[in-house]
Amino acid sequence: MKRIGCFHAHYSNIEHVEKALNIFDVELIHFVDPGLDRIKMDADFTKEIIEKKVIETLDWITNCHVDAILITCTFFTSIFNEEFHYYPIPIIKIDEPLFEDYL
């Protein structure tokens, strides 16, 4: 069975992803960090702060023996730049398939 690490900004996304992917033979492992989305409102917020935290979390998820990572947060997706960070497993940004369907 394949394992997918799901990186969410809010707990409510878990239910949506579980329902959407329950037809597949995969184990979903959820990683939720609502604080990351929250700090973008802070006065001392910088892109470097959030990028560092997103990369640290992706590193951690990768080390949890998953076969792929699904990023469900548009904000996290906008921070992650594949040109600068390599991971040995696929990273799927939930927005990309949606944009392809509607653009």
PDB file of N, CA and C in Angstrom:
ATOM      1  N   MET A   1       0.845  -1.182   0.000  1.00  0.00           N
ATOM      2  CA  MET A   1       0.000   0.000   0.000  1.00  0.00           C
ATOM      3  C   MET A   1       0.891   1.246   0.000  1.00  0.00           C
ATOM      4  N   LYS A   2       0.557   2.186  -0.843  1.00  0.00           N
ATOM      5  CA  LYS A   2       1.289   3.451  -0.910  1.00  0.00           C
ATOM      6  C   LYS A   2       0.826   4.385   0.202  1.00  0.00           C
ATOM      7  N   ARG A   3       1.762   5.217   0.657  1.00  0.00           N
ATOM      8  CA  ARG A   3       1.462   6.206   1.708  1.00  0.00           C
ATOM      9  C   ARG A   3       1.584   7.604   1.120  1.00  0.00           C
ATOM     10  N   ILE A   4       0.579   8.419   1.377  1.00  0.00           N
ATOM     11  CA  ILE A   4       0.612   9.803   0.937  1.00  0.00           C
ATOM     12  C   ILE A   4       0.594  10.699   2.174  1.00  0.00           C
ATOM     13  N   GLY A   5       1.597  11.554   2.283  1.00  0.00           N
ATOM     14  CA  GLY A   5       1.632  12.550   3.348  1.00  0.00           C
ATOM     15  C   GLY A   5       0.871  13.780   2.880  1.00  0.00           C
ATOM     16  N   CYS A   6      -0.177  14.134   3.589  1.00  0.00           N
ATOM     17  CA  CYS A   6      -1.030  15.263   3.206  1.00  0.00           C
ATOM     18  C   CYS A   6      -0.698  16.453   4.110  1.00  0.00           C
ATOM     19  N   PHE A   7      -0.280  17.546   3.498  1.00  0.00           N
ATOM     20  CA  PHE A   7       0.149  18.747   4.222  1.00  0.00           C
ATOM     21  C   PHE A   7      -0.971  19.786   4.122  1.00  0.00           C
ATOM     22  N   HIS A   8      -1.622  20.029   5.268  1.00  0.00           N
ATOM     23  CA  HIS A   8      -2.787  20.905   5.334  1.00  0.00           C
ATOM     24  C   HIS A   8      -2.515  22.142   6.194  1.00  0.00           C
ATOM     25  N   ALA A   9      -3.235  23.210   5.899  1.00  0.00           N
ATOM     26  CA  ALA A   9      -3.208  24.404   6.744  1.00  0.00           C
ATOM     27  C   ALA A   9      -4.326  24.361   7.778  1.00  0.00           C
ATOM     28  N   HIS A  10      -5.316  23.511   7.565  1.00  0.00           N
ATOM     29  CA  HIS A  10      -6.441  23.453   8.493  1.00  0.00           C
ATOM     30  C   HIS A  10      -6.967  22.025   8.589  1.00  0.00           C
ATOM     31  N   TYR A  11      -7.444  21.669   9.761  1.00  0.00           N
ATOM     32  CA  TYR A  11      -7.941  20.320  10.015  1.00  0.00           C
ATOM     33  C   TYR A  11      -9.146  19.958   9.149  1.00  0.00           C
ATOM     34  N   SER A  12      -9.923  20.937   8.745  1.00  0.00           N
ATOM     35  CA  SER A  12     -11.127  20.657   7.955  1.00  0.00           C
ATOM     36  C   SER A  12     -10.790  20.020   6.602  1.00  0.00           C
ATOM     37  N   ASN A  13      -9.570  20.208   6.127  1.00  0.00           N
ATOM     38  CA  ASN A  13      -9.185  19.615   4.850  1.00  0.00           C
ATOM     39  C   ASN A  13      -9.046  18.104   4.917  1.00  0.00           C
ATOM     40  N   ILE A  14      -8.821  17.564   6.094  1.00  0.00           N
ATOM     41  CA  ILE A  14      -8.639  16.117   6.241  1.00  0.00           C
ATOM     42  C   ILE A  14      -9.852  15.363   5.709  1.00  0.00           C
ATOM     43  N   GLU A  15     -11.020  15.768   6.141  1.00  0.00           N
ATOM     44  CA  GLU A  15     -12.249  15.078   5.727  1.00  0.00           C
ATOM     45  C   GLU A  15     -12.433  15.118   4.212  1.00  0.00           C
ATOM     46  N   HIS A  16     -12.163  16.247   3.600  1.00  0.00           N
ATOM     47  CA  HIS A  16     -12.328  16.380   2.145  1.00  0.00           C
ATOM     48  C   HIS A  16     -11.373  15.448   1.390  1.00  0.00           C
ATOM     49  N   VAL A  17     -10.129  15.407   1.834  1.00  0.00           N
ATOM     50  CA  VAL A  17      -9.143  14.552   1.164  1.00  0.00           C
ATOM     51  C   VAL A  17      -9.468  13.079   1.400  1.00  0.00           C
ATOM     52  N   GLU A  18      -9.860  12.741   2.608  1.00  0.00           N
ATOM     53  CA  GLU A  18     -10.234  11.350   2.907  1.00  0.00           C
ATOM     54  C   GLU A  18     -11.375  10.893   1.995  1.00  0.00           C
ATOM     55  N   LYS A  19     -12.408  11.725   1.845  1.00  0.00           N
ATOM     56  CA  LYS A  19     -13.538  11.366   0.987  1.00  0.00           C
ATOM     57  C   LYS A  19     -13.115  11.240  -0.473  1.00  0.00           C
ATOM     58  N   ALA A  20     -12.273  12.157  -0.939  1.00  0.00           N
ATOM     59  CA  ALA A  20     -11.871  12.154  -2.345  1.00  0.00           C
ATOM     60  C   ALA A  20     -10.983  10.969  -2.696  1.00  0.00           C
ATOM     61  N   LEU A  21     -10.168  10.525  -1.764  1.00  0.00           N
ATOM     62  CA  LEU A  21      -9.188   9.481  -2.073  1.00  0.00           C
ATOM     63  C   LEU A  21      -9.526   8.111  -1.499  1.00  0.00           C
ATOM     64  N   ASN A  22     -10.703   7.964  -0.876  1.00  0.00           N
ATOM     65  CA  ASN A  22     -11.028   6.681  -0.250  1.00  0.00           C
ATOM     66  C   ASN A  22     -11.247   5.555  -1.251  1.00  0.00           C
ATOM     67  N   ILE A  23     -11.372   5.872  -2.520  1.00  0.00           N
ATOM     68  CA  ILE A  23     -11.547   4.822  -3.529  1.00  0.00           C
ATOM     69  C   ILE A  23     -10.225   4.172  -3.924  1.00  0.00           C
ATOM     70  N   PHE A  24      -9.118   4.761  -3.491  1.00  0.00           N
ATOM     71  CA  PHE A  24      -7.799   4.243  -3.824  1.00  0.00           C
ATOM     72  C   PHE A  24      -7.220   3.462  -2.650  1.00  0.00           C
ATOM     73  N   ASP A  25      -6.349   2.537  -2.954  1.00  0.00           N
ATOM     74  CA  ASP A  25      -5.698   1.727  -1.930  1.00  0.00           C
ATOM     75  C   ASP A  25      -4.436   2.448  -1.448  1.00  0.00           C
ATOM     76  N   VAL A  26      -4.644   3.533  -0.688  1.00  0.00           N
ATOM     77  CA  VAL A  26      -3.533   4.327  -0.165  1.00  0.00           C
ATOM     78  C   VAL A  26      -3.774   4.624   1.306  1.00  0.00           C
ATOM     79  N   GLU A  27      -2.687   4.798   2.005  1.00  0.00           N
ATOM     80  CA  GLU A  27      -2.764   5.246   3.394  1.00  0.00           C
ATOM     81  C   GLU A  27      -2.480   6.745   3.396  1.00  0.00           C
ATOM     82  N   LEU A  28      -3.367   7.511   3.996  1.00  0.00           N
ATOM     83  CA  LEU A  28      -3.196   8.955   4.086  1.00  0.00           C
ATOM     84  C   LEU A  28      -2.697   9.315   5.472  1.00  0.00           C
ATOM     85  N   ILE A  29      -1.593  10.030   5.516  1.00  0.00           N
ATOM     86  CA  ILE A  29      -1.011  10.479   6.776  1.00  0.00           C
ATOM     87  C   ILE A  29      -1.082  12.000   6.753  1.00  0.00           C
ATOM     88  N   HIS A  30      -1.801  12.564   7.708  1.00  0.00           N
ATOM     89  CA  HIS A  30      -2.099  13.994   7.683  1.00  0.00           C
ATOM     90  C   HIS A  30      -1.164  14.791   8.589  1.00  0.00           C
ATOM     91  N   PHE A  31      -0.664  15.894   8.037  1.00  0.00           N
ATOM     92  CA  PHE A  31       0.198  16.838   8.747  1.00  0.00           C
ATOM     93  C   PHE A  31      -0.487  18.196   8.645  1.00  0.00           C
ATOM     94  N   VAL A  32      -0.863  18.756   9.791  1.00  0.00           N
ATOM     95  CA  VAL A  32      -1.633  19.994   9.799  1.00  0.00           C
ATOM     96  C   VAL A  32      -0.880  21.052  10.589  1.00  0.00           C
ATOM     97  N   ASP A  33      -0.756  22.244   9.989  1.00  0.00           N
ATOM     98  CA  ASP A  33      -0.098  23.351  10.675  1.00  0.00           C
ATOM     99  C   ASP A  33      -0.850  24.659  10.416  1.00  0.00           C
ATOM    100  N   PRO A  34      -1.931  24.901  11.185  1.00  0.00           N
ATOM    101  CA  PRO A  34      -2.701  26.127  10.974  1.00  0.00           C
ATOM    102  C   PRO A  34      -1.915  27.382  11.351  1.00  0.00           C
ATOM    103  N   GLY A  35      -0.893  27.249  12.139  1.00  0.00           N
ATOM    104  CA  GLY A  35      -0.074  28.397  12.521  1.00  0.00           C
ATOM    105  C   GLY A  35       0.677  28.993  11.350  1.00  0.00           C
ATOM    106  N   LEU A  36       1.063  28.159  10.395  1.00  0.00           N
ATOM    107  CA  LEU A  36       1.772  28.671   9.224  1.00  0.00           C
ATOM    108  C   LEU A  36       0.918  29.649   8.443  1.00  0.00           C
ATOM    109  N   ASP A  37      -0.327  29.305   8.249  1.00  0.00           N
ATOM    110  CA  ASP A  37      -1.223  30.198   7.524  1.00  0.00           C
ATOM    111  C   ASP A  37      -1.498  31.456   8.341  1.00  0.00           C
ATOM    112  N   ARG A  38      -1.540  31.314   9.632  1.00  0.00           N
ATOM    113  CA  ARG A  38      -1.846  32.438  10.523  1.00  0.00           C
ATOM    114  C   ARG A  38      -0.738  33.492  10.549  1.00  0.00           C
ATOM    115  N   ILE A  39       0.528  33.077  10.503  1.00  0.00           N
ATOM    116  CA  ILE A  39       1.609  34.057  10.675  1.00  0.00           C
ATOM    117  C   ILE A  39       1.769  35.014   9.502  1.00  0.00           C
ATOM    118  N   LYS A  40       1.098  34.719   8.390  1.00  0.00           N
ATOM    119  CA  LYS A  40       1.196  35.652   7.265  1.00  0.00           C
ATOM    120  C   LYS A  40       0.555  36.998   7.592  1.00  0.00           C
ATOM    121  N   MET A  41      -0.209  37.057   8.665  1.00  0.00           N
ATOM    122  CA  MET A  41      -0.841  38.305   9.102  1.00  0.00           C
ATOM    123  C   MET A  41       0.054  39.098  10.061  1.00  0.00           C
ATOM    124  N   ASP A  42       1.132  38.512  10.535  1.00  0.00           N
ATOM    125  CA  ASP A  42       2.006  39.174  11.504  1.00  0.00           C
ATOM    126  C   ASP A  42       2.775  40.329  10.863  1.00  0.00           C
ATOM    127  N   ALA A  43       3.023  41.356  11.657  1.00  0.00           N
ATOM    128  CA  ALA A  43       3.735  42.547  11.166  1.00  0.00           C
ATOM    129  C   ALA A  43       5.158  42.216  10.715  1.00  0.00           C
ATOM    130  N   ASP A  44       5.796  41.264  11.385  1.00  0.00           N
ATOM    131  CA  ASP A  44       7.184  40.930  11.043  1.00  0.00           C
ATOM    132  C   ASP A  44       7.286  39.744  10.071  1.00  0.00           C
ATOM    133  N   PHE A  45       6.180  39.401   9.441  1.00  0.00           N
ATOM    134  CA  PHE A  45       6.160  38.296   8.482  1.00  0.00           C
ATOM    135  C   PHE A  45       7.054  38.599   7.283  1.00  0.00           C
ATOM    136  N   THR A  46       7.825  37.583   6.888  1.00  0.00           N
ATOM    137  CA  THR A  46       8.584  37.671   5.642  1.00  0.00           C
ATOM    138  C   THR A  46       8.417  36.355   4.887  1.00  0.00           C
ATOM    139  N   LYS A  47       8.614  36.423   3.602  1.00  0.00           N
ATOM    140  CA  LYS A  47       8.528  35.216   2.791  1.00  0.00           C
ATOM    141  C   LYS A  47       9.572  34.198   3.242  1.00  0.00           C
ATOM    142  N   GLU A  48      10.723  34.668   3.663  1.00  0.00           N
ATOM    143  CA  GLU A  48      11.798  33.766   4.100  1.00  0.00           C
ATOM    144  C   GLU A  48      11.389  32.959   5.334  1.00  0.00           C
ATOM    145  N   ILE A  49      10.664  33.578   6.250  1.00  0.00           N
ATOM    146  CA  ILE A  49      10.217  32.872   7.462  1.00  0.00           C
ATOM    147  C   ILE A  49       9.294  31.717   7.089  1.00  0.00           C
ATOM    148  N   ILE A  50       8.294  32.010   6.292  1.00  0.00           N
ATOM    149  CA  ILE A  50       7.332  30.969   5.948  1.00  0.00           C
ATOM    150  C   ILE A  50       7.950  29.921   5.031  1.00  0.00           C
ATOM    151  N   GLU A  51       8.818  30.348   4.118  1.00  0.00           N
ATOM    152  CA  GLU A  51       9.466  29.379   3.229  1.00  0.00           C
ATOM    153  C   GLU A  51      10.310  28.393   4.033  1.00  0.00           C
ATOM    154  N   LYS A  52      11.047  28.900   5.007  1.00  0.00           N
ATOM    155  CA  LYS A  52      11.873  28.029   5.856  1.00  0.00           C
ATOM    156  C   LYS A  52      11.000  27.000   6.573  1.00  0.00           C
ATOM    157  N   LYS A  53       9.869  27.441   7.118  1.00  0.00           N
ATOM    158  CA  LYS A  53       8.995  26.539   7.860  1.00  0.00           C
ATOM    159  C   LYS A  53       8.336  25.513   6.928  1.00  0.00           C
ATOM    160  N   VAL A  54       7.914  25.943   5.751  1.00  0.00           N
ATOM    161  CA  VAL A  54       7.318  25.005   4.788  1.00  0.00           C
ATOM    162  C   VAL A  54       8.340  23.950   4.388  1.00  0.00           C
ATOM    163  N   ILE A  55       9.555  24.358   4.100  1.00  0.00           N
ATOM    164  CA  ILE A  55      10.609  23.411   3.711  1.00  0.00           C
ATOM    165  C   ILE A  55      10.934  22.462   4.863  1.00  0.00           C
ATOM    166  N   GLU A  56      11.020  22.976   6.078  1.00  0.00           N
ATOM    167  CA  GLU A  56      11.265  22.106   7.238  1.00  0.00           C
ATOM    168  C   GLU A  56      10.153  21.063   7.373  1.00  0.00           C
ATOM    169  N   THR A  57       8.926  21.471   7.170  1.00  0.00           N
ATOM    170  CA  THR A  57       7.804  20.538   7.284  1.00  0.00           C
ATOM    171  C   THR A  57       7.834  19.515   6.151  1.00  0.00           C
ATOM    172  N   LEU A  58       8.131  19.955   4.934  1.00  0.00           N
ATOM    173  CA  LEU A  58       8.244  19.001   3.829  1.00  0.00           C
ATOM    174  C   LEU A  58       9.382  18.012   4.063  1.00  0.00           C
ATOM    175  N   ASP A  59      10.485  18.489   4.623  1.00  0.00           N
ATOM    176  CA  ASP A  59      11.596  17.593   4.976  1.00  0.00           C
ATOM    177  C   ASP A  59      11.129  16.544   5.982  1.00  0.00           C
ATOM    178  N   TRP A  60      10.400  16.992   6.990  1.00  0.00           N
ATOM    179  CA  TRP A  60       9.905  16.095   8.037  1.00  0.00           C
ATOM    180  C   TRP A  60       8.949  15.065   7.454  1.00  0.00           C
ATOM    181  N   ILE A  61       8.007  15.522   6.615  1.00  0.00           N
ATOM    182  CA  ILE A  61       7.056  14.596   5.997  1.00  0.00           C
ATOM    183  C   ILE A  61       7.804  13.566   5.149  1.00  0.00           C
ATOM    184  N   THR A  62       8.769  14.014   4.380  1.00  0.00           N
ATOM    185  CA  THR A  62       9.563  13.109   3.537  1.00  0.00           C
ATOM    186  C   THR A  62      10.234  12.035   4.381  1.00  0.00           C
ATOM    187  N   ASN A  63      10.704  12.403   5.562  1.00  0.00           N
ATOM    188  CA  ASN A  63      11.382  11.452   6.447  1.00  0.00           C
ATOM    189  C   ASN A  63      10.429  10.513   7.179  1.00  0.00           C
ATOM    190  N   CYS A  64       9.142  10.671   6.970  1.00  0.00           N
ATOM    191  CA  CYS A  64       8.138   9.802   7.608  1.00  0.00           C
ATOM    192  C   CYS A  64       7.743   8.633   6.708  1.00  0.00           C
ATOM    193  N   HIS A  65       8.609   8.312   5.758  1.00  0.00           N
ATOM    194  CA  HIS A  65       8.443   7.135   4.894  1.00  0.00           C
ATOM    195  C   HIS A  65       7.164   7.170   4.068  1.00  0.00           C
ATOM    196  N   VAL A  66       6.881   8.317   3.464  1.00  0.00           N
ATOM    197  CA  VAL A  66       5.740   8.416   2.562  1.00  0.00           C
ATOM    198  C   VAL A  66       6.230   8.257   1.124  1.00  0.00           C
ATOM    199  N   ASP A  67       5.313   7.882   0.243  1.00  0.00           N
ATOM    200  CA  ASP A  67       5.650   7.687  -1.162  1.00  0.00           C
ATOM    201  C   ASP A  67       5.395   8.936  -2.004  1.00  0.00           C
ATOM    202  N   ALA A  68       4.610   9.860  -1.465  1.00  0.00           N
ATOM    203  CA  ALA A  68       4.314  11.120  -2.143  1.00  0.00           C
ATOM    204  C   ALA A  68       3.782  12.095  -1.096  1.00  0.00           C
ATOM    205  N   ILE A  69       3.785  13.370  -1.470  1.00  0.00           N
ATOM    206  CA  ILE A  69       3.229  14.409  -0.597  1.00  0.00           C
ATOM    207  C   ILE A  69       2.169  15.159  -1.385  1.00  0.00           C
ATOM    208  N   LEU A  70       1.029  15.383  -0.736  1.00  0.00           N
ATOM    209  CA  LEU A  70      -0.047  16.180  -1.300  1.00  0.00           C
ATOM    210  C   LEU A  70      -0.146  17.463  -0.488  1.00  0.00           C
ATOM    211  N   ILE A  71       0.087  18.606  -1.125  1.00  0.00           N
ATOM    212  CA  ILE A  71      -0.054  19.898  -0.446  1.00  0.00           C
ATOM    213  C   ILE A  71      -1.445  20.416  -0.777  1.00  0.00           C
ATOM    214  N   THR A  72      -2.274  20.600   0.251  1.00  0.00           N
ATOM    215  CA  THR A  72      -3.666  20.994   0.023  1.00  0.00           C
ATOM    216  C   THR A  72      -3.917  22.485   0.233  1.00  0.00           C
ATOM    217  N   CYS A  73      -2.912  23.214   0.644  1.00  0.00           N
ATOM    218  CA  CYS A  73      -3.075  24.639   0.930  1.00  0.00           C
ATOM    219  C   CYS A  73      -2.494  25.480  -0.203  1.00  0.00           C
ATOM    220  N   THR A  74      -3.296  26.358  -0.757  1.00  0.00           N
ATOM    221  CA  THR A  74      -2.839  27.232  -1.837  1.00  0.00           C
ATOM    222  C   THR A  74      -1.669  28.104  -1.383  1.00  0.00           C
ATOM    223  N   PHE A  75      -1.732  28.597  -0.158  1.00  0.00           N
ATOM    224  CA  PHE A  75      -0.651  29.439   0.363  1.00  0.00           C
ATOM    225  C   PHE A  75       0.647  28.651   0.452  1.00  0.00           C
ATOM    226  N   PHE A  76       0.611  27.428   0.991  1.00  0.00           N
ATOM    227  CA  PHE A  76       1.816  26.600   1.076  1.00  0.00           C
ATOM    228  C   PHE A  76       2.349  26.289  -0.320  1.00  0.00           C
ATOM    229  N   THR A  77       1.438  26.019  -1.245  1.00  0.00           N
ATOM    230  CA  THR A  77       1.827  25.736  -2.627  1.00  0.00           C
ATOM    231  C   THR A  77       2.560  26.926  -3.236  1.00  0.00           C
ATOM    232  N   SER A  78       2.083  28.124  -2.952  1.00  0.00           N
ATOM    233  CA  SER A  78       2.714  29.310  -3.532  1.00  0.00           C
ATOM    234  C   SER A  78       4.113  29.544  -2.973  1.00  0.00           C
ATOM    235  N   ILE A  79       4.365  29.059  -1.777  1.00  0.00           N
ATOM    236  CA  ILE A  79       5.673  29.223  -1.132  1.00  0.00           C
ATOM    237  C   ILE A  79       6.686  28.216  -1.673  1.00  0.00           C
ATOM    238  N   PHE A  80       6.241  26.989  -1.920  1.00  0.00           N
ATOM    239  CA  PHE A  80       7.147  25.924  -2.338  1.00  0.00           C
ATOM    240  C   PHE A  80       7.538  26.095  -3.800  1.00  0.00           C
ATOM    241  N   ASN A  81       8.827  26.184  -4.058  1.00  0.00           N
ATOM    242  CA  ASN A  81       9.346  26.335  -5.414  1.00  0.00           C
ATOM    243  C   ASN A  81      10.219  25.129  -5.730  1.00  0.00           C
ATOM    244  N   GLU A  82       9.744  24.300  -6.633  1.00  0.00           N
ATOM    245  CA  GLU A  82      10.452  23.063  -6.980  1.00  0.00           C
ATOM    246  C   GLU A  82      11.810  23.308  -7.628  1.00  0.00           C
ATOM    247  N   GLU A  83      12.009  24.465  -8.187  1.00  0.00           N
ATOM    248  CA  GLU A  83      13.294  24.763  -8.821  1.00  0.00           C
ATOM    249  C   GLU A  83      14.428  24.855  -7.790  1.00  0.00           C
ATOM    250  N   PHE A  84      14.083  25.217  -6.559  1.00  0.00           N
ATOM    251  CA  PHE A  84      15.102  25.424  -5.536  1.00  0.00           C
ATOM    252  C   PHE A  84      15.192  24.302  -4.511  1.00  0.00           C
ATOM    253  N   HIS A  85      14.200  23.416  -4.486  1.00  0.00           N
ATOM    254  CA  HIS A  85      14.166  22.349  -3.486  1.00  0.00           C
ATOM    255  C   HIS A  85      13.821  21.025  -4.159  1.00  0.00           C
ATOM    256  N   TYR A  86      14.720  20.070  -4.027  1.00  0.00           N
ATOM    257  CA  TYR A  86      14.516  18.757  -4.628  1.00  0.00           C
ATOM    258  C   TYR A  86      14.085  17.756  -3.564  1.00  0.00           C
ATOM    259  N   TYR A  87      13.104  16.946  -3.903  1.00  0.00           N
ATOM    260  CA  TYR A  87      12.679  15.849  -3.036  1.00  0.00           C
ATOM    261  C   TYR A  87      12.642  14.577  -3.862  1.00  0.00           C
ATOM    262  N   PRO A  88      13.023  13.460  -3.262  1.00  0.00           N
ATOM    263  CA  PRO A  88      13.097  12.198  -4.010  1.00  0.00           C
ATOM    264  C   PRO A  88      11.734  11.545  -4.254  1.00  0.00           C
ATOM    265  N   ILE A  89      10.671  12.181  -3.766  1.00  0.00           N
ATOM    266  CA  ILE A  89       9.316  11.655  -3.963  1.00  0.00           C
ATOM    267  C   ILE A  89       8.473  12.732  -4.645  1.00  0.00           C
ATOM    268  N   PRO A  90       7.397  12.322  -5.302  1.00  0.00           N
ATOM    269  CA  PRO A  90       6.536  13.319  -5.948  1.00  0.00           C
ATOM    270  C   PRO A  90       5.862  14.235  -4.916  1.00  0.00           C
ATOM    271  N   ILE A  91       5.789  15.504  -5.267  1.00  0.00           N
ATOM    272  CA  ILE A  91       5.035  16.468  -4.470  1.00  0.00           C
ATOM    273  C   ILE A  91       3.922  16.977  -5.360  1.00  0.00           C
ATOM    274  N   ILE A  92       2.705  16.712  -4.928  1.00  0.00           N
ATOM    275  CA  ILE A  92       1.519  17.066  -5.697  1.00  0.00           C
ATOM    276  C   ILE A  92       0.860  18.266  -5.027  1.00  0.00           C
ATOM    277  N   LYS A  93       0.684  19.306  -5.802  1.00  0.00           N
ATOM    278  CA  LYS A  93       0.010  20.498  -5.292  1.00  0.00           C
ATOM    279  C   LYS A  93      -1.435  20.415  -5.750  1.00  0.00           C
ATOM    280  N   ILE A  94      -2.356  20.373  -4.807  1.00  0.00           N
ATOM    281  CA  ILE A  94      -3.756  20.128  -5.133  1.00  0.00           C
ATOM    282  C   ILE A  94      -4.308  21.161  -6.109  1.00  0.00           C
ATOM    283  N   ASP A  95      -3.757  22.345  -6.097  1.00  0.00           N
ATOM    284  CA  ASP A  95      -4.248  23.402  -6.988  1.00  0.00           C
ATOM    285  C   ASP A  95      -3.951  23.118  -8.453  1.00  0.00           C
ATOM    286  N   GLU A  96      -2.829  22.483  -8.743  1.00  0.00           N
ATOM    287  CA  GLU A  96      -2.428  22.295 -10.134  1.00  0.00           C
ATOM    288  C   GLU A  96      -3.442  21.484 -10.950  1.00  0.00           C
ATOM    289  N   PRO A  97      -3.895  20.327 -10.471  1.00  0.00           N
ATOM    290  CA  PRO A  97      -4.924  19.604 -11.261  1.00  0.00           C
ATOM    291  C   PRO A  97      -6.226  20.401 -11.375  1.00  0.00           C
ATOM    292  N   LEU A  98      -6.574  21.137 -10.329  1.00  0.00           N
ATOM    293  CA  LEU A  98      -7.792  21.938 -10.385  1.00  0.00           C
ATOM    294  C   LEU A  98      -7.665  23.046 -11.425  1.00  0.00           C
ATOM    295  N   PHE A  99      -6.512  23.706 -11.459  1.00  0.00           N
ATOM    296  CA  PHE A  99      -6.293  24.762 -12.439  1.00  0.00           C
ATOM    297  C   PHE A  99      -6.330  24.202 -13.855  1.00  0.00           C
ATOM    298  N   GLU A 100      -5.745  23.023 -14.040  1.00  0.00           N
ATOM    299  CA  GLU A 100      -5.750  22.394 -15.368  1.00  0.00           C
ATOM    300  C   GLU A 100      -7.172  22.094 -15.833  1.00  0.00           C
ATOM    301  N   ASP A 101      -8.053  21.686 -14.898  1.00  0.00           N
ATOM    302  CA  ASP A 101      -9.430  21.383 -15.246  1.00  0.00           C
ATOM    303  C   ASP A 101     -10.239  22.624 -15.610  1.00  0.00           C
ATOM    304  N   TYR A 102      -9.888  23.783 -15.022  1.00  0.00           N
ATOM    305  CA  TYR A 102     -10.707  24.961 -15.192  1.00  0.00           C
ATOM    306  C   TYR A 102     -10.079  26.056 -16.045  1.00  0.00           C
ATOM    307  N   LEU A 103      -8.847  25.890 -16.461  1.00  0.00           N
ATOM    308  CA  LEU A 103      -8.215  26.931 -17.288  1.00  0.00           C
ATOM    309  C   LEU A 103      -8.135  26.512 -18.730  1.00  0.00           C
TER     310      LEU A 103
END
